[in-house]
């Protein structure tokens, strides 16, 4: 399952939810230095989706705030697929 995300580094707290355009917002406390914010965003996204970090892979956007990640289809439940709209709509 491909997921488009918008990373907001330097946030006061880490959270996943809401949207910016068609992208899921992932706010992280880490700064955008040496990939720290990207790694924190992947960890936060994995936690929000209820999967292990190793099942979430960066596809594009290494140095951009707009990223595309892939979540291993083998671990994506039907419940997650139906709850996706809820995650996008929360703030």
C-alpha atoms as a PDB file:
ATOM      1  CA  UNK A   1       0.000   0.000   0.000  1.00  0.00           C
ATOM      2  CA  UNK A   2       1.516   3.345  -1.047  1.00  0.00           C
ATOM      3  CA  UNK A   3       1.058   6.279   1.306  1.00  0.00           C
ATOM      4  CA  UNK A   4       1.822   9.921   0.508  1.00  0.00           C
ATOM      5  CA  UNK A   5       2.900  11.828   3.616  1.00  0.00           C
ATOM      6  CA  UNK A   6       3.899  15.374   4.528  1.00  0.00           C
ATOM      7  CA  UNK A   7       6.523  15.492   7.285  1.00  0.00           C
ATOM      8  CA  UNK A   8       6.534  18.434   9.695  1.00  0.00           C
ATOM      9  CA  UNK A   9       9.882  18.380  11.521  1.00  0.00           C
ATOM     10  CA  UNK A  10      10.474  20.271  14.754  1.00  0.00           C
ATOM     11  CA  UNK A  11       6.928  19.834  16.074  1.00  0.00           C
ATOM     12  CA  UNK A  12       6.219  20.150  19.782  1.00  0.00           C
ATOM     13  CA  UNK A  13       5.027  16.538  19.812  1.00  0.00           C
ATOM     14  CA  UNK A  14       4.964  13.599  17.444  1.00  0.00           C
ATOM     15  CA  UNK A  15       1.563  12.880  15.910  1.00  0.00           C
ATOM     16  CA  UNK A  16       0.059  11.279  12.832  1.00  0.00           C
ATOM     17  CA  UNK A  17      -3.183  12.587  11.411  1.00  0.00           C
ATOM     18  CA  UNK A  18      -4.785  15.282   9.381  1.00  0.00           C
ATOM     19  CA  UNK A  19      -4.063  16.096   5.811  1.00  0.00           C
ATOM     20  CA  UNK A  20      -2.330  18.582   3.633  1.00  0.00           C
ATOM     21  CA  UNK A  21      -3.834  18.251   0.195  1.00  0.00           C
ATOM     22  CA  UNK A  22      -3.936  14.529  -0.459  1.00  0.00           C
ATOM     23  CA  UNK A  23      -1.085  13.739   1.946  1.00  0.00           C
ATOM     24  CA  UNK A  24      -1.210  12.396   5.474  1.00  0.00           C
ATOM     25  CA  UNK A  25       0.518  14.756   7.928  1.00  0.00           C
ATOM     26  CA  UNK A  26       3.206  13.239  10.152  1.00  0.00           C
ATOM     27  CA  UNK A  27       4.555  15.744  12.694  1.00  0.00           C
ATOM     28  CA  UNK A  28       7.785  14.770  14.456  1.00  0.00           C
ATOM     29  CA  UNK A  29       9.913  16.404  17.132  1.00  0.00           C
ATOM     30  CA  UNK A  30      13.198  15.669  15.381  1.00  0.00           C
ATOM     31  CA  UNK A  31      14.786  18.294  13.160  1.00  0.00           C
ATOM     32  CA  UNK A  32      15.445  17.719   9.467  1.00  0.00           C
ATOM     33  CA  UNK A  33      19.145  16.964   9.958  1.00  0.00           C
ATOM     34  CA  UNK A  34      20.887  13.877   8.582  1.00  0.00           C
ATOM     35  CA  UNK A  35      17.606  12.060   7.965  1.00  0.00           C
ATOM     36  CA  UNK A  36      16.480  12.152  11.601  1.00  0.00           C
ATOM     37  CA  UNK A  37      13.051  13.598  10.786  1.00  0.00           C
ATOM     38  CA  UNK A  38      12.501  11.075   7.994  1.00  0.00           C
ATOM     39  CA  UNK A  39      13.336   8.121  10.233  1.00  0.00           C
ATOM     40  CA  UNK A  40      11.145   9.512  13.031  1.00  0.00           C
ATOM     41  CA  UNK A  41       8.276   9.934  10.548  1.00  0.00           C
ATOM     42  CA  UNK A  42       8.596   6.321   9.389  1.00  0.00           C
ATOM     43  CA  UNK A  43       8.604   5.106  12.995  1.00  0.00           C
ATOM     44  CA  UNK A  44       5.567   7.258  13.847  1.00  0.00           C
ATOM     45  CA  UNK A  45       3.677   6.108  10.764  1.00  0.00           C
ATOM     46  CA  UNK A  46       4.400   2.459  11.515  1.00  0.00           C
ATOM     47  CA  UNK A  47       3.117   2.944  15.058  1.00  0.00           C
ATOM     48  CA  UNK A  48      -0.043   4.679  13.874  1.00  0.00           C
ATOM     49  CA  UNK A  49      -0.721   1.897  11.381  1.00  0.00           C
ATOM     50  CA  UNK A  50      -0.020  -0.828  13.941  1.00  0.00           C
ATOM     51  CA  UNK A  51       2.819  -2.413  11.957  1.00  0.00           C
ATOM     52  CA  UNK A  52       6.518  -2.856  12.623  1.00  0.00           C
ATOM     53  CA  UNK A  53       8.953  -0.253  11.338  1.00  0.00           C
ATOM     54  CA  UNK A  54      10.557  -2.792   8.999  1.00  0.00           C
ATOM     55  CA  UNK A  55       7.264  -3.020   7.079  1.00  0.00           C
ATOM     56  CA  UNK A  56       7.368   0.701   6.176  1.00  0.00           C
ATOM     57  CA  UNK A  57       9.798   1.668   3.394  1.00  0.00           C
ATOM     58  CA  UNK A  58      10.644   5.071   1.960  1.00  0.00           C
ATOM     59  CA  UNK A  59       9.972   5.116  -1.795  1.00  0.00           C
ATOM     60  CA  UNK A  60      10.707   8.759  -2.628  1.00  0.00           C
ATOM     61  CA  UNK A  61      11.343  12.114  -0.988  1.00  0.00           C
ATOM     62  CA  UNK A  62      14.547  11.499   0.940  1.00  0.00           C
ATOM     63  CA  UNK A  63      15.315  15.216   1.293  1.00  0.00           C
ATOM     64  CA  UNK A  64      11.792  16.590   0.830  1.00  0.00           C
ATOM     65  CA  UNK A  65       8.990  17.107   3.317  1.00  0.00           C
ATOM     66  CA  UNK A  66       6.674  15.398   0.833  1.00  0.00           C
ATOM     67  CA  UNK A  67       7.397  11.677   0.819  1.00  0.00           C
ATOM     68  CA  UNK A  68       5.931   8.475  -0.519  1.00  0.00           C
ATOM     69  CA  UNK A  69       6.230   5.345   1.585  1.00  0.00           C
ATOM     70  CA  UNK A  70       5.268   1.759   0.978  1.00  0.00           C
ATOM     71  CA  UNK A  71       3.606  -0.361   3.645  1.00  0.00           C
ATOM     72  CA  UNK A  72       4.048  -4.094   3.096  1.00  0.00           C
ATOM     73  CA  UNK A  73       0.716  -5.417   1.785  1.00  0.00           C
ATOM     74  CA  UNK A  74       1.208  -8.656   3.707  1.00  0.00           C
ATOM     75  CA  UNK A  75       0.747  -6.816   7.024  1.00  0.00           C
ATOM     76  CA  UNK A  76      -1.971  -4.352   6.006  1.00  0.00           C
ATOM     77  CA  UNK A  77      -5.242  -5.509   7.487  1.00  0.00           C
ATOM     78  CA  UNK A  78      -8.688  -4.877   6.072  1.00  0.00           C
ATOM     79  CA  UNK A  79      -9.404  -2.879   9.224  1.00  0.00           C
ATOM     80  CA  UNK A  80      -6.518  -0.556   8.368  1.00  0.00           C
ATOM     81  CA  UNK A  81      -7.717  -0.120   4.810  1.00  0.00           C
ATOM     82  CA  UNK A  82     -11.202   0.876   5.990  1.00  0.00           C
ATOM     83  CA  UNK A  83      -9.861   3.106   8.792  1.00  0.00           C
ATOM     84  CA  UNK A  84      -7.584   5.041   6.464  1.00  0.00           C
ATOM     85  CA  UNK A  85     -10.115   7.860   5.947  1.00  0.00           C
ATOM     86  CA  UNK A  86     -10.349   8.348   9.707  1.00  0.00           C
ATOM     87  CA  UNK A  87      -6.587   8.799   9.977  1.00  0.00           C
ATOM     88  CA  UNK A  88      -6.595  11.354   7.168  1.00  0.00           C
ATOM     89  CA  UNK A  89      -9.453  13.301   8.716  1.00  0.00           C
ATOM     90  CA  UNK A  90      -8.139  13.665  12.271  1.00  0.00           C
ATOM     91  CA  UNK A  91      -6.213  16.732  13.427  1.00  0.00           C
END
